[in-house]
Amino acid sequence: MPSKKHKPEEIIGKLREVEIMLAQGASTAEACRRIAVSEQTYYRWRKEYGGLKTDQARRMKDLEKENQRLRRAISDLTLDKLILQEAAKGNF
């Protein structure tokens, strides 16, 4: 089964569907089958997105991407600094 990358909005929608099914008496396994994800995926999603609204989840993902970009930039700058320090030692 090919994995599909779900958007935060889709995940929150599916979590709401499961909540409705569970309130109607369906089992967790049955609800997960209906939304076509494993129970493990459902619990992981619930842990990460449970209680969030769609716009909050979207903002969280945007912040995670920005954080990753900034970490990469810091890493590159640190490496550049170390290289320059090593080069300066050789000149003196």
Protein backbone atom coordinates (compact mmCIF):
# COMPACT_ATOMS: atom_id res chain seq x y z
CA MET A 1 0.00 0.00 0.00
CA PRO A 2 1.65 3.27 -1.10
CA SER A 3 1.92 5.83 1.65
CA LYS A 4 0.09 9.07 1.15
CA LYS A 5 1.21 12.29 2.81
CA HIS A 6 -1.85 13.76 4.44
CA LYS A 7 -2.19 17.50 4.94
CA PRO A 8 -2.90 18.74 8.47
CA GLU A 9 -6.37 19.85 7.40
CA GLU A 10 -7.16 16.34 6.11
CA ILE A 11 -5.83 14.74 9.29
CA ILE A 12 -7.99 16.94 11.51
CA GLY A 13 -11.03 16.17 9.35
CA LYS A 14 -10.38 12.43 9.63
CA LEU A 15 -9.91 12.71 13.41
CA ARG A 16 -13.29 14.43 13.64
CA GLU A 17 -14.86 11.64 11.57
CA VAL A 18 -13.43 9.07 13.98
CA GLU A 19 -14.74 11.02 16.98
CA ILE A 20 -18.23 10.98 15.47
CA MET A 21 -18.04 7.25 14.70
CA LEU A 22 -16.80 6.48 18.21
CA ALA A 23 -19.62 8.55 19.71
CA GLN A 24 -22.06 6.50 17.62
CA GLY A 25 -20.70 3.30 19.15
CA ALA A 26 -18.20 2.13 16.53
CA SER A 27 -14.95 0.53 17.69
CA THR A 28 -11.64 2.27 17.13
CA ALA A 29 -10.56 -0.45 14.70
CA GLU A 30 -13.75 -0.06 12.66
CA ALA A 31 -13.47 3.73 12.60
CA CYS A 32 -9.85 3.50 11.45
CA ARG A 33 -10.82 1.12 8.64
CA ARG A 34 -13.47 3.60 7.49
CA ILE A 35 -10.96 6.45 7.23
CA ALA A 36 -8.40 4.05 5.68
CA VAL A 37 -5.57 4.39 8.21
CA SER A 38 -4.04 2.00 10.71
CA GLU A 39 -4.83 2.31 14.40
CA GLN A 40 -1.19 3.20 14.99
CA THR A 41 -1.51 6.12 12.55
CA TYR A 42 -4.75 7.22 14.19
CA TYR A 43 -3.15 7.31 17.66
CA ARG A 44 -0.09 9.13 16.33
CA TRP A 45 -2.33 11.70 14.63
CA ARG A 46 -4.44 12.07 17.75
CA LYS A 47 -1.34 12.68 19.83
CA GLU A 48 -0.01 15.32 17.42
CA TYR A 49 -3.21 16.99 16.21
CA GLY A 50 -5.80 16.15 18.86
CA GLY A 51 -7.63 19.28 19.98
CA LEU A 52 -6.19 21.50 17.25
CA LYS A 53 -8.28 23.46 14.82
CA THR A 54 -7.39 23.40 11.14
CA ASP A 55 -5.75 26.84 11.10
CA GLN A 56 -3.70 26.02 14.22
CA ALA A 57 -2.38 22.81 12.63
CA ARG A 58 -1.47 24.64 9.43
CA ARG A 59 0.38 27.32 11.44
CA MET A 60 2.19 24.65 13.47
CA LYS A 61 3.45 22.93 10.30
CA ASP A 62 4.57 26.28 8.84
CA LEU A 63 6.51 27.04 12.03
CA GLU A 64 8.14 23.60 11.96
CA LYS A 65 9.31 24.20 8.37
CA GLU A 66 10.67 27.64 9.27
CA ASN A 67 12.44 26.19 12.32
CA GLN A 68 14.04 23.50 10.14
CA ARG A 69 15.19 26.14 7.63
CA LEU A 70 16.72 28.28 10.38
CA ARG A 71 18.52 25.29 11.93
CA ARG A 72 20.03 24.49 8.54
CA ALA A 73 21.19 28.12 8.15
CA ILE A 74 22.80 28.10 11.61
CA SER A 75 24.52 24.82 10.83
CA ASP A 76 25.93 26.22 7.56
CA LEU A 77 27.16 29.40 9.28
CA THR A 78 28.78 27.43 12.10
CA LEU A 79 30.60 25.25 9.58
CA ASP A 80 31.78 28.36 7.68
CA LYS A 81 33.06 29.88 10.93
CA LEU A 82 34.99 26.73 11.85
CA ILE A 83 36.57 26.56 8.40
CA LEU A 84 37.63 30.22 8.65
CA GLN A 85 39.08 29.67 12.11
CA GLU A 86 41.13 26.72 10.87
CA ALA A 87 42.33 28.74 7.87
CA ALA A 88 43.33 31.66 10.14
CA LYS A 89 45.42 29.36 12.36
CA GLY A 90 47.46 28.33 9.33
CA ASN A 91 48.23 31.94 8.38
CA PHE A 92 49.76 32.94 11.71
